């Protein structure tokens, strides 16, 4: 059984920051990443990595590009923590 990571949410990640996931067909708040199932976390990592891999996305929508990067990095950290448990 995995440890409840939601208790480890740093204060800066408790602020509202949203990402609209087209693959999950919903909006996710940053702090939700700590509690979503691994399969959904994998989907978020793939979706945000795809957004970040195309430099033209930065020019089209800088806010979404930056938010995707933040979600991607946090998802990777959470993924590593889960795999270590």
Protein backbone atom coordinates (compact mmCIF):
# COMPACT_ATOMS: atom_id res chain seq x y z
CA UNK A 1 0.00 0.00 0.00
CA UNK A 2 1.42 3.36 -0.98
CA UNK A 3 1.88 6.20 1.45
CA UNK A 4 -0.61 9.09 1.22
CA UNK A 5 1.50 11.71 -0.51
CA UNK A 6 -1.14 14.46 -0.17
CA UNK A 7 0.20 15.19 3.31
CA UNK A 8 3.52 16.08 1.67
CA UNK A 9 2.07 18.87 -0.49
CA UNK A 10 4.36 21.89 -0.12
CA UNK A 11 2.68 25.24 0.56
CA UNK A 12 3.59 26.66 -2.88
CA UNK A 13 1.81 23.75 -4.51
CA UNK A 14 -1.31 24.31 -2.45
CA UNK A 15 -2.09 27.45 -4.45
CA UNK A 16 -4.63 27.00 -7.21
CA UNK A 17 -3.00 26.11 -10.52
CA UNK A 18 -5.03 24.29 -13.13
CA UNK A 19 -4.25 22.22 -16.21
CA UNK A 20 -6.95 21.29 -18.71
CA UNK A 21 -6.26 17.70 -19.71
CA UNK A 22 -7.80 16.75 -23.01
CA UNK A 23 -6.80 13.12 -22.55
CA UNK A 24 -8.53 12.86 -19.15
CA UNK A 25 -11.30 15.24 -20.30
CA UNK A 26 -11.16 17.38 -17.17
CA UNK A 27 -9.27 20.10 -15.38
CA UNK A 28 -6.79 19.11 -12.71
CA UNK A 29 -5.51 21.23 -9.88
CA UNK A 30 -1.80 20.95 -9.19
CA UNK A 31 -2.24 19.45 -5.73
CA UNK A 32 -4.48 16.71 -7.18
CA UNK A 33 -1.41 15.11 -8.74
CA UNK A 34 -0.47 13.69 -5.34
CA UNK A 35 -3.66 11.62 -5.15
CA UNK A 36 -4.56 10.60 -8.69
CA UNK A 37 -4.08 6.96 -9.71
CA UNK A 38 -0.77 6.07 -11.33
CA UNK A 39 -2.41 5.48 -14.71
CA UNK A 40 -3.77 9.04 -14.75
CA UNK A 41 -0.43 10.41 -13.58
CA UNK A 42 1.21 8.63 -16.53
CA UNK A 43 -1.31 10.22 -18.89
CA UNK A 44 -0.63 13.69 -17.46
CA UNK A 45 3.12 13.17 -17.84
CA UNK A 46 2.68 12.13 -21.47
CA UNK A 47 0.29 14.96 -22.30
CA UNK A 48 2.38 17.68 -20.68
CA UNK A 49 5.61 16.29 -22.15
CA UNK A 50 4.03 16.46 -25.60
CA UNK A 51 3.05 20.10 -25.05
CA UNK A 52 6.55 20.95 -23.85
CA UNK A 53 8.31 19.13 -26.69
CA UNK A 54 6.94 21.47 -29.38
CA UNK A 55 8.60 24.91 -29.11
CA UNK A 56 5.80 26.48 -31.16
CA UNK A 57 3.45 25.82 -28.23
CA UNK A 58 5.45 28.37 -26.25
CA UNK A 59 4.75 31.02 -28.88
CA UNK A 60 1.05 30.13 -29.19
CA UNK A 61 0.22 30.01 -25.47
CA UNK A 62 3.03 30.80 -23.05
CA UNK A 63 0.82 30.34 -19.98
CA UNK A 64 -0.26 26.83 -20.94
CA UNK A 65 3.31 25.95 -21.95
CA UNK A 66 4.66 27.05 -18.55
CA UNK A 67 1.84 25.37 -16.63
CA UNK A 68 2.43 22.13 -18.55
CA UNK A 69 6.08 22.26 -17.55
CA UNK A 70 5.22 22.73 -13.89
CA UNK A 71 2.72 19.84 -13.97
CA UNK A 72 5.20 17.64 -15.81
CA UNK A 73 8.02 18.20 -13.32
CA UNK A 74 5.79 17.68 -10.28
CA UNK A 75 4.29 14.53 -11.84
CA UNK A 76 7.81 13.17 -12.41
CA UNK A 77 8.74 13.84 -8.78
CA UNK A 78 5.59 12.11 -7.53
CA UNK A 79 6.19 9.19 -9.90
CA UNK A 80 9.74 8.75 -8.54
CA UNK A 81 8.50 8.87 -4.95
CA UNK A 82 5.86 6.25 -5.65
CA UNK A 83 8.34 3.94 -7.33
CA UNK A 84 10.68 4.20 -4.31
CA UNK A 85 7.99 3.03 -1.89
